[in-house]
C-alpha atoms as a PDB file:
ATOM      1  CA  UNK A   1       0.000   0.000   0.000  1.00  0.00           C
ATOM      2  CA  UNK A   2       1.742   3.065  -1.305  1.00  0.00           C
ATOM      3  CA  UNK A   3      -0.259   5.439   0.900  1.00  0.00           C
ATOM      4  CA  UNK A   4       1.712   4.254   3.966  1.00  0.00           C
ATOM      5  CA  UNK A   5       5.085   4.848   2.303  1.00  0.00           C
ATOM      6  CA  UNK A   6       4.500   8.491   1.409  1.00  0.00           C
ATOM      7  CA  UNK A   7       4.253  11.609   3.542  1.00  0.00           C
ATOM      8  CA  UNK A   8       0.712  12.535   2.548  1.00  0.00           C
ATOM      9  CA  UNK A   9      -1.711  13.945   5.074  1.00  0.00           C
ATOM     10  CA  UNK A  10      -3.524  10.580   5.124  1.00  0.00           C
ATOM     11  CA  UNK A  11      -0.600   8.800   6.760  1.00  0.00           C
ATOM     12  CA  UNK A  12      -0.767  11.235   9.682  1.00  0.00           C
ATOM     13  CA  UNK A  13      -4.548  10.876   9.905  1.00  0.00           C
ATOM     14  CA  UNK A  14      -4.189   7.072   9.913  1.00  0.00           C
ATOM     15  CA  UNK A  15      -1.495   7.134  12.608  1.00  0.00           C
ATOM     16  CA  UNK A  16      -3.338   9.662  14.765  1.00  0.00           C
ATOM     17  CA  UNK A  17      -6.794   8.079  14.778  1.00  0.00           C
ATOM     18  CA  UNK A  18      -5.476   4.522  14.618  1.00  0.00           C
ATOM     19  CA  UNK A  19      -3.315   5.056  17.703  1.00  0.00           C
ATOM     20  CA  UNK A  20      -6.169   6.740  19.588  1.00  0.00           C
ATOM     21  CA  UNK A  21      -8.393   3.744  18.809  1.00  0.00           C
ATOM     22  CA  UNK A  22      -5.693   1.228  19.734  1.00  0.00           C
ATOM     23  CA  UNK A  23      -4.911   2.862  23.105  1.00  0.00           C
ATOM     24  CA  UNK A  24      -8.621   3.181  23.891  1.00  0.00           C
ATOM     25  CA  UNK A  25      -9.083  -0.537  23.197  1.00  0.00           C
ATOM     26  CA  UNK A  26      -6.052  -1.229  25.397  1.00  0.00           C
ATOM     27  CA  UNK A  27      -7.578   0.740  28.268  1.00  0.00           C
ATOM     28  CA  UNK A  28     -10.846  -1.193  28.008  1.00  0.00           C
ATOM     29  CA  UNK A  29      -8.906  -4.485  27.921  1.00  0.00           C
ATOM     30  CA  UNK A  30      -6.990  -3.610  31.089  1.00  0.00           C
ATOM     31  CA  UNK A  31     -10.160  -2.650  32.917  1.00  0.00           C
ATOM     32  CA  UNK A  32     -11.902  -5.868  31.909  1.00  0.00           C
ATOM     33  CA  UNK A  33      -8.991  -7.991  33.095  1.00  0.00           C
ATOM     34  CA  UNK A  34      -8.732  -6.071  36.366  1.00  0.00           C
ATOM     35  CA  UNK A  35     -12.435  -6.598  36.981  1.00  0.00           C
ATOM     36  CA  UNK A  36     -12.138 -10.364  36.519  1.00  0.00           C
ATOM     37  CA  UNK A  37     -13.319 -10.564  32.878  1.00  0.00           C
ATOM     38  CA  UNK A  38     -10.193 -12.418  31.696  1.00  0.00           C
ATOM     39  CA  UNK A  39     -11.701 -14.106  28.649  1.00  0.00           C
ATOM     40  CA  UNK A  40     -13.177 -10.890  27.229  1.00  0.00           C
ATOM     41  CA  UNK A  41      -9.917  -9.069  27.924  1.00  0.00           C
ATOM     42  CA  UNK A  42      -7.878 -11.763  26.203  1.00  0.00           C
ATOM     43  CA  UNK A  43     -10.058 -11.709  23.103  1.00  0.00           C
ATOM     44  CA  UNK A  44      -9.743  -7.934  22.886  1.00  0.00           C
ATOM     45  CA  UNK A  45      -5.954  -8.310  23.301  1.00  0.00           C
ATOM     46  CA  UNK A  46      -5.723 -10.109  19.946  1.00  0.00           C
ATOM     47  CA  UNK A  47      -7.309  -7.176  18.107  1.00  0.00           C
ATOM     48  CA  UNK A  48      -5.337  -4.659  20.143  1.00  0.00           C
ATOM     49  CA  UNK A  49      -2.046  -6.327  19.215  1.00  0.00           C
ATOM     50  CA  UNK A  50      -2.937  -6.464  15.507  1.00  0.00           C
ATOM     51  CA  UNK A  51      -3.747  -2.746  15.614  1.00  0.00           C
ATOM     52  CA  UNK A  52      -0.529  -1.993  17.499  1.00  0.00           C
ATOM     53  CA  UNK A  53       1.616  -3.917  15.018  1.00  0.00           C
ATOM     54  CA  UNK A  54       0.034  -2.279  11.996  1.00  0.00           C
ATOM     55  CA  UNK A  55       0.138   1.285  13.349  1.00  0.00           C
ATOM     56  CA  UNK A  56       3.573   1.052  14.954  1.00  0.00           C
ATOM     57  CA  UNK A  57       4.960  -0.642  11.870  1.00  0.00           C
ATOM     58  CA  UNK A  58       3.668   2.227   9.760  1.00  0.00           C
ATOM     59  CA  UNK A  59       5.425   4.734  12.009  1.00  0.00           C
ATOM     60  CA  UNK A  60       8.707   2.840  12.151  1.00  0.00           C
ATOM     61  CA  UNK A  61       8.921   2.236   8.398  1.00  0.00           C
ATOM     62  CA  UNK A  62       9.063   5.935   7.621  1.00  0.00           C
ATOM     63  CA  UNK A  63      10.287   7.598  10.800  1.00  0.00           C
ATOM     64  CA  UNK A  64      13.870   8.246   9.638  1.00  0.00           C
ATOM     65  CA  UNK A  65      12.687  10.228   6.632  1.00  0.00           C
ATOM     66  CA  UNK A  66       9.612  11.711   8.328  1.00  0.00           C
ATOM     67  CA  UNK A  67      10.101  12.472  12.037  1.00  0.00           C
ATOM     68  CA  UNK A  68       6.667  14.080  12.207  1.00  0.00           C
ATOM     69  CA  UNK A  69       5.211  10.538  12.324  1.00  0.00           C
ATOM     70  CA  UNK A  70       6.806  10.051  15.741  1.00  0.00           C
ATOM     71  CA  UNK A  71       5.253  13.217  17.128  1.00  0.00           C
ATOM     72  CA  UNK A  72       1.817  12.361  15.723  1.00  0.00           C
ATOM     73  CA  UNK A  73       2.167   8.870  17.251  1.00  0.00           C
ATOM     74  CA  UNK A  74       3.139  10.262  20.681  1.00  0.00           C
ATOM     75  CA  UNK A  75       0.351  12.853  20.747  1.00  0.00           C
ATOM     76  CA  UNK A  76      -2.192  10.252  19.666  1.00  0.00           C
ATOM     77  CA  UNK A  77      -0.991   7.965  22.464  1.00  0.00           C
ATOM     78  CA  UNK A  78      -1.726  10.699  25.021  1.00  0.00           C
ATOM     79  CA  UNK A  79      -5.118  11.479  23.492  1.00  0.00           C
ATOM     80  CA  UNK A  80      -5.903   7.744  23.362  1.00  0.00           C
ATOM     81  CA  UNK A  81      -5.306   7.437  27.104  1.00  0.00           C
ATOM     82  CA  UNK A  82      -7.739  10.270  27.750  1.00  0.00           C
ATOM     83  CA  UNK A  83     -10.372   8.883  25.353  1.00  0.00           C
ATOM     84  CA  UNK A  84      -9.977   5.345  26.730  1.00  0.00           C
ATOM     85  CA  UNK A  85     -10.437   6.434  30.336  1.00  0.00           C
ATOM     86  CA  UNK A  86     -13.449   8.559  29.338  1.00  0.00           C
ATOM     87  CA  UNK A  87     -14.971   5.595  27.471  1.00  0.00           C
ATOM     88  CA  UNK A  88     -14.385   3.277  30.420  1.00  0.00           C
ATOM     89  CA  UNK A  89     -16.082   5.760  32.724  1.00  0.00           C
ATOM     90  CA  UNK A  90     -19.117   5.860  30.430  1.00  0.00           C
ATOM     91  CA  UNK A  91     -19.243   2.070  30.034  1.00  0.00           C
ATOM     92  CA  UNK A  92     -18.837   1.680  33.833  1.00  0.00           C
ATOM     93  CA  UNK A  93     -17.891  -1.990  33.921  1.00  0.00           C
ATOM     94  CA  UNK A  94     -17.919  -3.774  37.223  1.00  0.00           C
ATOM     95  CA  UNK A  95     -19.051  -3.227  40.763  1.00  0.00           C
ATOM     96  CA  UNK A  96     -18.415  -0.753  43.540  1.00  0.00           C
ATOM     97  CA  UNK A  97     -19.077  -0.381  47.231  1.00  0.00           C
ATOM     98  CA  UNK A  98     -20.686   2.753  48.641  1.00  0.00           C
ATOM     99  CA  UNK A  99     -20.300   3.635  52.257  1.00  0.00           C
ATOM    100  CA  UNK A 100     -22.580   6.322  53.701  1.00  0.00           C
ATOM    101  CA  UNK A 101     -22.109   7.933  57.064  1.00  0.00           C
ATOM    102  CA  UNK A 102     -25.062  10.048  58.204  1.00  0.00           C
ATOM    103  CA  UNK A 103     -26.385  11.360  61.511  1.00  0.00           C
ATOM    104  CA  UNK A 104     -28.715   8.848  63.143  1.00  0.00           C
ATOM    105  CA  UNK A 105     -32.230  10.221  62.624  1.00  0.00           C
ATOM    106  CA  UNK A 106     -35.613   9.622  61.064  1.00  0.00           C
ATOM    107  CA  UNK A 107     -34.159  11.127  57.860  1.00  0.00           C
ATOM    108  CA  UNK A 108     -31.490   8.429  57.727  1.00  0.00           C
ATOM    109  CA  UNK A 109     -34.144   5.734  58.139  1.00  0.00           C
ATOM    110  CA  UNK A 110     -36.177   7.368  55.371  1.00  0.00           C
ATOM    111  CA  UNK A 111     -33.087   7.417  53.152  1.00  0.00           C
ATOM    112  CA  UNK A 112     -32.651   3.657  53.620  1.00  0.00           C
ATOM    113  CA  UNK A 113     -36.296   3.102  52.679  1.00  0.00           C
ATOM    114  CA  UNK A 114     -35.918   5.207  49.502  1.00  0.00           C
ATOM    115  CA  UNK A 115     -32.712   3.439  48.500  1.00  0.00           C
ATOM    116  CA  UNK A 116     -34.351   0.047  48.997  1.00  0.00           C
ATOM    117  CA  UNK A 117     -37.427   1.207  47.058  1.00  0.00           C
ATOM    118  CA  UNK A 118     -35.048   1.837  44.130  1.00  0.00           C
ATOM    119  CA  UNK A 119     -33.651  -1.715  44.313  1.00  0.00           C
ATOM    120  CA  UNK A 120     -30.502  -0.895  46.247  1.00  0.00           C
ATOM    121  CA  UNK A 121     -29.561  -3.398  48.939  1.00  0.00           C
ATOM    122  CA  UNK A 122     -28.600  -1.442  52.046  1.00  0.00           C
ATOM    123  CA  UNK A 123     -26.895  -2.851  55.118  1.00  0.00           C
ATOM    124  CA  UNK A 124     -26.864  -0.532  58.110  1.00  0.00           C
ATOM    125  CA  UNK A 125     -24.807  -0.500  61.294  1.00  0.00           C
ATOM    126  CA  UNK A 126     -24.722   1.942  64.163  1.00  0.00           C
ATOM    127  CA  UNK A 127     -21.652   4.044  64.726  1.00  0.00           C
ATOM    128  CA  UNK A 128     -20.357   6.855  66.890  1.00  0.00           C
ATOM    129  CA  UNK A 129     -18.808   9.960  65.434  1.00  0.00           C
ATOM    130  CA  UNK A 130     -17.246  13.122  66.807  1.00  0.00           C
ATOM    131  CA  UNK A 131     -20.642  14.814  66.927  1.00  0.00           C
ATOM    132  CA  UNK A 132     -22.831  11.908  68.014  1.00  0.00           C
ATOM    133  CA  UNK A 133     -24.476   8.713  66.853  1.00  0.00           C
ATOM    134  CA  UNK A 134     -24.282   7.795  63.187  1.00  0.00           C
ATOM    135  CA  UNK A 135     -25.875   5.367  60.769  1.00  0.00           C
ATOM    136  CA  UNK A 136     -23.288   3.718  58.545  1.00  0.00           C
ATOM    137  CA  UNK A 137     -24.815   2.254  55.398  1.00  0.00           C
ATOM    138  CA  UNK A 138     -23.161  -0.116  52.953  1.00  0.00           C
ATOM    139  CA  UNK A 139     -24.296  -0.632  49.377  1.00  0.00           C
ATOM    140  CA  UNK A 140     -22.678  -2.944  46.815  1.00  0.00           C
ATOM    141  CA  UNK A 141     -23.866  -1.891  43.382  1.00  0.00           C
ATOM    142  CA  UNK A 142     -23.035  -1.931  39.696  1.00  0.00           C
ATOM    143  CA  UNK A 143     -20.941   1.087  38.726  1.00  0.00           C
ATOM    144  CA  UNK A 144     -23.598   2.110  36.205  1.00  0.00           C
ATOM    145  CA  UNK A 145     -25.954   2.809  39.117  1.00  0.00           C
ATOM    146  CA  UNK A 146     -23.643   5.134  41.063  1.00  0.00           C
ATOM    147  CA  UNK A 147     -25.261   8.297  39.711  1.00  0.00           C
ATOM    148  CA  UNK A 148     -28.763   7.094  40.639  1.00  0.00           C
ATOM    149  CA  UNK A 149     -27.676   6.208  44.178  1.00  0.00           C
ATOM    150  CA  UNK A 150     -25.926   9.575  44.612  1.00  0.00           C
ATOM    151  CA  UNK A 151     -28.993  11.388  43.292  1.00  0.00           C
ATOM    152  CA  UNK A 152     -31.172   9.749  45.960  1.00  0.00           C
ATOM    153  CA  UNK A 153     -28.606  10.345  48.699  1.00  0.00           C
ATOM    154  CA  UNK A 154     -28.080  14.041  47.870  1.00  0.00           C
ATOM    155  CA  UNK A 155     -31.824  14.666  47.594  1.00  0.00           C
ATOM    156  CA  UNK A 156     -32.393  13.244  51.084  1.00  0.00           C
ATOM    157  CA  UNK A 157     -29.197  13.867  53.069  1.00  0.00           C
ATOM    158  CA  UNK A 158     -27.029  16.729  51.855  1.00  0.00           C
ATOM    159  CA  UNK A 159     -24.557  16.243  54.711  1.00  0.00           C
ATOM    160  CA  UNK A 160     -23.943  12.536  54.027  1.00  0.00           C
ATOM    161  CA  UNK A 161     -20.345  11.395  53.885  1.00  0.00           C
ATOM    162  CA  UNK A 162     -20.080   9.154  50.822  1.00  0.00           C
ATOM    163  CA  UNK A 163     -17.108   6.908  50.091  1.00  0.00           C
ATOM    164  CA  UNK A 164     -16.995   4.923  46.857  1.00  0.00           C
ATOM    165  CA  UNK A 165     -14.563   2.058  46.304  1.00  0.00           C
ATOM    166  CA  UNK A 166     -14.161  -0.291  43.370  1.00  0.00           C
ATOM    167  CA  UNK A 167     -15.058  -3.889  44.136  1.00  0.00           C
ATOM    168  CA  UNK A 168     -13.556  -6.730  42.194  1.00  0.00           C
ATOM    169  CA  UNK A 169     -15.899  -9.558  43.143  1.00  0.00           C
ATOM    170  CA  UNK A 170     -18.997  -9.712  45.307  1.00  0.00           C
ATOM    171  CA  UNK A 171     -20.271 -13.124  46.375  1.00  0.00           C
ATOM    172  CA  UNK A 172     -23.855 -13.582  47.413  1.00  0.00           C
ATOM    173  CA  UNK A 173     -26.136 -10.799  48.435  1.00  0.00           C
ATOM    174  CA  UNK A 174     -28.461  -8.822  46.202  1.00  0.00           C
ATOM    175  CA  UNK A 175     -26.199  -8.401  43.133  1.00  0.00           C
ATOM    176  CA  UNK A 176     -26.096 -11.186  40.597  1.00  0.00           C
ATOM    177  CA  UNK A 177     -23.302 -11.245  38.061  1.00  0.00           C
END
């Protein structure tokens, strides 16, 4: 393919968008593997590697005569990391754990009822804080539902302390994989 041997604008477009796509796919693959989806991640790895070989090969073939290819490649790598992390955030694979710490009150009991009414499993324990008794609530949810849970929490308890952690695997309970 003669287009990849010349210094036309199309070679830079191919390198730039190809590298962005390849790094985005790589980011998704890493997230899937980290979240326990090894088979899906491994299948994606095959396509990622084919993309990497083709794009990197295109850069290396002409880089001595056309150093601009290296800069386009490097910039696209950075943009690909940004796009990949943005995509992963939107896809929201996996599970997370929410921890809520709120003052013990009728409002906190009402919050638990509203969360449960929206199909969130809530486990509550009593705690003591600097300023008095607290209700500590635990929710294990799919990451895609974080915004809905936070919407309910903020609408009912503005002063809630919310801690969100990624969860790799949850056994039992209300969530089914």
